[in-house]
Amino acid sequence: MGLKAWVRHEGTLRCTQLLQYEEEDWVRDIATLKLKRSKHEQGHTRERTWHGTYSNTGPN
């Protein structure tokens, strides 16, 4: 949350969100992703791509 306060540029903010995603929401978001995948296969393409790309380099 501290990072979010001073990071304002779009590109850097995106990186900050990745860090926060790994630290705070990893397990919950992966479970949510699987739910969204099965229930809303279309219409979450962008989100699915972002999560999928990141999970390849994230903790297993």
PDB file of N, CA and C in Angstrom:
ATOM      1  N   MET A   1       0.836  -1.198   0.000  1.00  0.00           N
ATOM      2  CA  MET A   1       0.000   0.000   0.000  1.00  0.00           C
ATOM      3  C   MET A   1       0.870   1.246   0.000  1.00  0.00           C
ATOM      4  N   GLY A   2       2.017   1.164   0.655  1.00  0.00           N
ATOM      5  CA  GLY A   2       2.927   2.299   0.669  1.00  0.00           C
ATOM      6  C   GLY A   2       3.410   2.652  -0.728  1.00  0.00           C
ATOM      7  N   LEU A   3       3.742   1.610  -1.500  1.00  0.00           N
ATOM      8  CA  LEU A   3       4.199   1.847  -2.864  1.00  0.00           C
ATOM      9  C   LEU A   3       3.142   2.569  -3.683  1.00  0.00           C
ATOM     10  N   LYS A   4       1.903   2.139  -3.522  1.00  0.00           N
ATOM     11  CA  LYS A   4       0.808   2.705  -4.303  1.00  0.00           C
ATOM     12  C   LYS A   4       0.680   4.210  -4.064  1.00  0.00           C
ATOM     13  N   ALA A   5       1.002   4.647  -2.859  1.00  0.00           N
ATOM     14  CA  ALA A   5       0.835   6.051  -2.508  1.00  0.00           C
ATOM     15  C   ALA A   5       1.748   6.954  -3.332  1.00  0.00           C
ATOM     16  N   TRP A   6       2.998   6.539  -3.559  1.00  0.00           N
ATOM     17  CA  TRP A   6       3.916   7.432  -4.265  1.00  0.00           C
ATOM     18  C   TRP A   6       4.135   7.063  -5.729  1.00  0.00           C
ATOM     19  N   VAL A   7       3.746   5.866  -6.126  1.00  0.00           N
ATOM     20  CA  VAL A   7       3.899   5.487  -7.529  1.00  0.00           C
ATOM     21  C   VAL A   7       2.716   5.997  -8.333  1.00  0.00           C
ATOM     22  N   ARG A   8       2.988   6.860  -9.295  1.00  0.00           N
ATOM     23  CA  ARG A   8       1.897   7.482 -10.050  1.00  0.00           C
ATOM     24  C   ARG A   8       1.938   7.177 -11.543  1.00  0.00           C
ATOM     25  N   HIS A   9       3.114   6.896 -12.095  1.00  0.00           N
ATOM     26  CA  HIS A   9       3.218   6.662 -13.537  1.00  0.00           C
ATOM     27  C   HIS A   9       2.606   5.312 -13.894  1.00  0.00           C
ATOM     28  N   GLU A  10       1.973   5.263 -15.058  1.00  0.00           N
ATOM     29  CA  GLU A  10       1.220   4.075 -15.450  1.00  0.00           C
ATOM     30  C   GLU A  10       2.072   2.813 -15.462  1.00  0.00           C
ATOM     31  N   GLY A  11       3.200   2.855 -16.136  1.00  0.00           N
ATOM     32  CA  GLY A  11       4.053   1.680 -16.252  1.00  0.00           C
ATOM     33  C   GLY A  11       4.540   1.195 -14.893  1.00  0.00           C
ATOM     34  N   THR A  12       4.976   2.144 -14.061  1.00  0.00           N
ATOM     35  CA  THR A  12       5.470   1.781 -12.739  1.00  0.00           C
ATOM     36  C   THR A  12       4.336   1.271 -11.865  1.00  0.00           C
ATOM     37  N   LEU A  13       3.165   1.880 -12.007  1.00  0.00           N
ATOM     38  CA  LEU A  13       2.006   1.453 -11.231  1.00  0.00           C
ATOM     39  C   LEU A  13       1.654   0.008 -11.559  1.00  0.00           C
ATOM     40  N   ARG A  14       1.775  -0.339 -12.822  1.00  0.00           N
ATOM     41  CA  ARG A  14       1.489  -1.703 -13.248  1.00  0.00           C
ATOM     42  C   ARG A  14       2.440  -2.675 -12.556  1.00  0.00           C
ATOM     43  N   CYS A  15       3.713  -2.301 -12.471  1.00  0.00           N
ATOM     44  CA  CYS A  15       4.692  -3.146 -11.784  1.00  0.00           C
ATOM     45  C   CYS A  15       4.356  -3.253 -10.300  1.00  0.00           C
ATOM     46  N   THR A  16       3.940  -2.129  -9.712  1.00  0.00           N
ATOM     47  CA  THR A  16       3.566  -2.122  -8.303  1.00  0.00           C
ATOM     48  C   THR A  16       2.398  -3.062  -8.056  1.00  0.00           C
ATOM     49  N   GLN A  17       1.440  -3.039  -8.962  1.00  0.00           N
ATOM     50  CA  GLN A  17       0.278  -3.922  -8.821  1.00  0.00           C
ATOM     51  C   GLN A  17       0.697  -5.379  -8.909  1.00  0.00           C
ATOM     52  N   LEU A  18       1.692  -5.674  -9.740  1.00  0.00           N
ATOM     53  CA  LEU A  18       2.198  -7.041  -9.825  1.00  0.00           C
ATOM     54  C   LEU A  18       2.799  -7.462  -8.491  1.00  0.00           C
ATOM     55  N   LEU A  19       3.562  -6.560  -7.880  1.00  0.00           N
ATOM     56  CA  LEU A  19       4.167  -6.868  -6.588  1.00  0.00           C
ATOM     57  C   LEU A  19       3.102  -7.107  -5.531  1.00  0.00           C
ATOM     58  N   GLN A  20       2.108  -6.218  -5.494  1.00  0.00           N
ATOM     59  CA  GLN A  20       1.039  -6.357  -4.509  1.00  0.00           C
ATOM     60  C   GLN A  20       0.245  -7.628  -4.765  1.00  0.00           C
ATOM     61  N   TYR A  21       0.084  -7.949  -6.041  1.00  0.00           N
ATOM     62  CA  TYR A  21      -0.657  -9.152  -6.413  1.00  0.00           C
ATOM     63  C   TYR A  21       0.045 -10.383  -5.844  1.00  0.00           C
ATOM     64  N   GLU A  22       1.349 -10.415  -5.968  1.00  0.00           N
ATOM     65  CA  GLU A  22       2.095 -11.574  -5.473  1.00  0.00           C
ATOM     66  C   GLU A  22       2.068 -11.632  -3.959  1.00  0.00           C
ATOM     67  N   GLU A  23       2.190 -10.489  -3.314  1.00  0.00           N
ATOM     68  CA  GLU A  23       2.310 -10.466  -1.860  1.00  0.00           C
ATOM     69  C   GLU A  23       0.972 -10.696  -1.157  1.00  0.00           C
ATOM     70  N   GLU A  24      -0.105 -10.134  -1.695  1.00  0.00           N
ATOM     71  CA  GLU A  24      -1.352 -10.089  -0.942  1.00  0.00           C
ATOM     72  C   GLU A  24      -2.434 -11.016  -1.483  1.00  0.00           C
ATOM     73  N   ASP A  25      -2.490 -11.187  -2.789  1.00  0.00           N
ATOM     74  CA  ASP A  25      -3.692 -11.766  -3.386  1.00  0.00           C
ATOM     75  C   ASP A  25      -3.431 -13.002  -4.236  1.00  0.00           C
ATOM     76  N   TRP A  26      -2.217 -13.582  -4.107  1.00  0.00           N
ATOM     77  CA  TRP A  26      -1.860 -14.663  -5.023  1.00  0.00           C
ATOM     78  C   TRP A  26      -2.876 -15.793  -5.008  1.00  0.00           C
ATOM     79  N   VAL A  27      -3.057 -16.426  -3.872  1.00  0.00           N
ATOM     80  CA  VAL A  27      -3.916 -17.615  -3.798  1.00  0.00           C
ATOM     81  C   VAL A  27      -5.363 -17.276  -4.126  1.00  0.00           C
ATOM     82  N   ARG A  28      -5.855 -16.182  -3.545  1.00  0.00           N
ATOM     83  CA  ARG A  28      -7.252 -15.807  -3.768  1.00  0.00           C
ATOM     84  C   ARG A  28      -7.521 -15.495  -5.242  1.00  0.00           C
ATOM     85  N   ASP A  29      -6.610 -14.752  -5.874  1.00  0.00           N
ATOM     86  CA  ASP A  29      -6.832 -14.362  -7.256  1.00  0.00           C
ATOM     87  C   ASP A  29      -6.725 -15.542  -8.215  1.00  0.00           C
ATOM     88  N   ILE A  30      -5.846 -16.487  -7.921  1.00  0.00           N
ATOM     89  CA  ILE A  30      -5.749 -17.669  -8.770  1.00  0.00           C
ATOM     90  C   ILE A  30      -7.051 -18.459  -8.699  1.00  0.00           C
ATOM     91  N   ALA A  31      -7.615 -18.592  -7.514  1.00  0.00           N
ATOM     92  CA  ALA A  31      -8.895 -19.288  -7.363  1.00  0.00           C
ATOM     93  C   ALA A  31      -9.997 -18.535  -8.113  1.00  0.00           C
ATOM     94  N   THR A  32      -9.984 -17.206  -7.994  1.00  0.00           N
ATOM     95  CA  THR A  32     -10.965 -16.388  -8.702  1.00  0.00           C
ATOM     96  C   THR A  32     -10.798 -16.526 -10.204  1.00  0.00           C
ATOM     97  N   LEU A  33      -9.550 -16.556 -10.647  1.00  0.00           N
ATOM     98  CA  LEU A  33      -9.265 -16.696 -12.073  1.00  0.00           C
ATOM     99  C   LEU A  33      -9.860 -17.980 -12.616  1.00  0.00           C
ATOM    100  N   LYS A  34      -9.680 -19.074 -11.902  1.00  0.00           N
ATOM    101  CA  LYS A  34     -10.213 -20.358 -12.356  1.00  0.00           C
ATOM    102  C   LYS A  34     -11.737 -20.310 -12.449  1.00  0.00           C
ATOM    103  N   LEU A  35     -12.365 -19.645 -11.471  1.00  0.00           N
ATOM    104  CA  LEU A  35     -13.815 -19.490 -11.509  1.00  0.00           C
ATOM    105  C   LEU A  35     -14.247 -18.693 -12.736  1.00  0.00           C
ATOM    106  N   LYS A  36     -13.590 -17.559 -12.955  1.00  0.00           N
ATOM    107  CA  LYS A  36     -13.940 -16.696 -14.081  1.00  0.00           C
ATOM    108  C   LYS A  36     -13.721 -17.435 -15.396  1.00  0.00           C
ATOM    109  N   ARG A  37     -12.671 -18.225 -15.449  1.00  0.00           N
ATOM    110  CA  ARG A  37     -12.351 -18.955 -16.671  1.00  0.00           C
ATOM    111  C   ARG A  37     -13.501 -19.880 -17.058  1.00  0.00           C
ATOM    112  N   SER A  38     -14.034 -20.588 -16.086  1.00  0.00           N
ATOM    113  CA  SER A  38     -15.073 -21.560 -16.400  1.00  0.00           C
ATOM    114  C   SER A  38     -16.435 -20.903 -16.606  1.00  0.00           C
ATOM    115  N   LYS A  39     -16.696 -19.817 -15.911  1.00  0.00           N
ATOM    116  CA  LYS A  39     -18.027 -19.196 -15.986  1.00  0.00           C
ATOM    117  C   LYS A  39     -18.118 -18.122 -17.062  1.00  0.00           C
ATOM    118  N   HIS A  40     -17.023 -17.422 -17.325  1.00  0.00           N
ATOM    119  CA  HIS A  40     -17.051 -16.327 -18.296  1.00  0.00           C
ATOM    120  C   HIS A  40     -15.861 -16.468 -19.245  1.00  0.00           C
ATOM    121  N   GLU A  41     -15.875 -17.517 -20.031  1.00  0.00           N
ATOM    122  CA  GLU A  41     -14.736 -17.801 -20.901  1.00  0.00           C
ATOM    123  C   GLU A  41     -14.458 -16.630 -21.839  1.00  0.00           C
ATOM    124  N   GLN A  42     -15.506 -16.059 -22.409  1.00  0.00           N
ATOM    125  CA  GLN A  42     -15.338 -14.883 -23.256  1.00  0.00           C
ATOM    126  C   GLN A  42     -15.518 -13.640 -22.396  1.00  0.00           C
ATOM    127  N   GLY A  43     -14.855 -12.553 -22.736  1.00  0.00           N
ATOM    128  CA  GLY A  43     -15.058 -11.305 -22.010  1.00  0.00           C
ATOM    129  C   GLY A  43     -14.054 -11.111 -20.883  1.00  0.00           C
ATOM    130  N   HIS A  44     -13.223 -12.099 -20.605  1.00  0.00           N
ATOM    131  CA  HIS A  44     -12.157 -11.928 -19.617  1.00  0.00           C
ATOM    132  C   HIS A  44     -10.802 -12.225 -20.261  1.00  0.00           C
ATOM    133  N   THR A  45     -10.759 -12.069 -21.580  1.00  0.00           N
ATOM    134  CA  THR A  45      -9.558 -12.434 -22.319  1.00  0.00           C
ATOM    135  C   THR A  45      -8.354 -11.651 -21.831  1.00  0.00           C
ATOM    136  N   ARG A  46      -8.524 -10.335 -21.663  1.00  0.00           N
ATOM    137  CA  ARG A  46      -7.412  -9.494 -21.269  1.00  0.00           C
ATOM    138  C   ARG A  46      -6.925  -9.854 -19.869  1.00  0.00           C
ATOM    139  N   GLU A  47      -7.869 -10.029 -18.948  1.00  0.00           N
ATOM    140  CA  GLU A  47      -7.520 -10.369 -17.579  1.00  0.00           C
ATOM    141  C   GLU A  47      -6.850 -11.735 -17.512  1.00  0.00           C
ATOM    142  N   ARG A  48      -7.392 -12.693 -18.272  1.00  0.00           N
ATOM    143  CA  ARG A  48      -6.856 -14.041 -18.286  1.00  0.00           C
ATOM    144  C   ARG A  48      -5.412 -14.035 -18.793  1.00  0.00           C
ATOM    145  N   THR A  49      -5.159 -13.225 -19.841  1.00  0.00           N
ATOM    146  CA  THR A  49      -3.816 -13.144 -20.401  1.00  0.00           C
ATOM    147  C   THR A  49      -2.845 -12.580 -19.375  1.00  0.00           C
ATOM    148  N   TRP A  50      -3.266 -11.541 -18.673  1.00  0.00           N
ATOM    149  CA  TRP A  50      -2.402 -10.910 -17.670  1.00  0.00           C
ATOM    150  C   TRP A  50      -2.061 -11.894 -16.564  1.00  0.00           C
ATOM    151  N   HIS A  51      -3.073 -12.558 -16.027  1.00  0.00           N
ATOM    152  CA  HIS A  51      -2.853 -13.524 -14.950  1.00  0.00           C
ATOM    153  C   HIS A  51      -1.997 -14.688 -15.432  1.00  0.00           C
ATOM    154  N   GLY A  52      -2.327 -15.184 -16.620  1.00  0.00           N
ATOM    155  CA  GLY A  52      -1.618 -16.343 -17.145  1.00  0.00           C
ATOM    156  C   GLY A  52      -0.149 -16.060 -17.356  1.00  0.00           C
ATOM    157  N   THR A  53       0.165 -14.891 -17.932  1.00  0.00           N
ATOM    158  CA  THR A  53       1.549 -14.520 -18.179  1.00  0.00           C
ATOM    159  C   THR A  53       2.311 -14.394 -16.869  1.00  0.00           C
ATOM    160  N   TYR A  54       1.665 -13.776 -15.889  1.00  0.00           N
ATOM    161  CA  TYR A  54       2.344 -13.547 -14.618  1.00  0.00           C
ATOM    162  C   TYR A  54       2.542 -14.839 -13.844  1.00  0.00           C
ATOM    163  N   SER A  55       1.561 -15.733 -13.908  1.00  0.00           N
ATOM    164  CA  SER A  55       1.639 -16.961 -13.133  1.00  0.00           C
ATOM    165  C   SER A  55       2.756 -17.870 -13.641  1.00  0.00           C
ATOM    166  N   ASN A  56       3.160 -17.687 -14.896  1.00  0.00           N
ATOM    167  CA  ASN A  56       4.257 -18.488 -15.426  1.00  0.00           C
ATOM    168  C   ASN A  56       5.568 -18.195 -14.713  1.00  0.00           C
ATOM    169  N   THR A  57       5.727 -16.965 -14.232  1.00  0.00           N
ATOM    170  CA  THR A  57       6.960 -16.587 -13.555  1.00  0.00           C
ATOM    171  C   THR A  57       6.768 -16.490 -12.048  1.00  0.00           C
ATOM    172  N   GLY A  58       5.548 -16.679 -11.590  1.00  0.00           N
ATOM    173  CA  GLY A  58       5.256 -16.552 -10.164  1.00  0.00           C
ATOM    174  C   GLY A  58       5.463 -17.848  -9.408  1.00  0.00           C
ATOM    175  N   PRO A  59       5.228 -17.826  -8.102  1.00  0.00           N
ATOM    176  CA  PRO A  59       5.358 -19.036  -7.291  1.00  0.00           C
ATOM    177  C   PRO A  59       4.319 -20.079  -7.681  1.00  0.00           C
ATOM    178  N   ASN A  60       4.671 -21.329  -7.583  1.00  0.00           N
ATOM    179  CA  ASN A  60       3.748 -22.392  -8.007  1.00  0.00           C
ATOM    180  C   ASN A  60       2.971 -22.937  -6.829  1.00  0.00           C
TER     181      ASN A  60
END
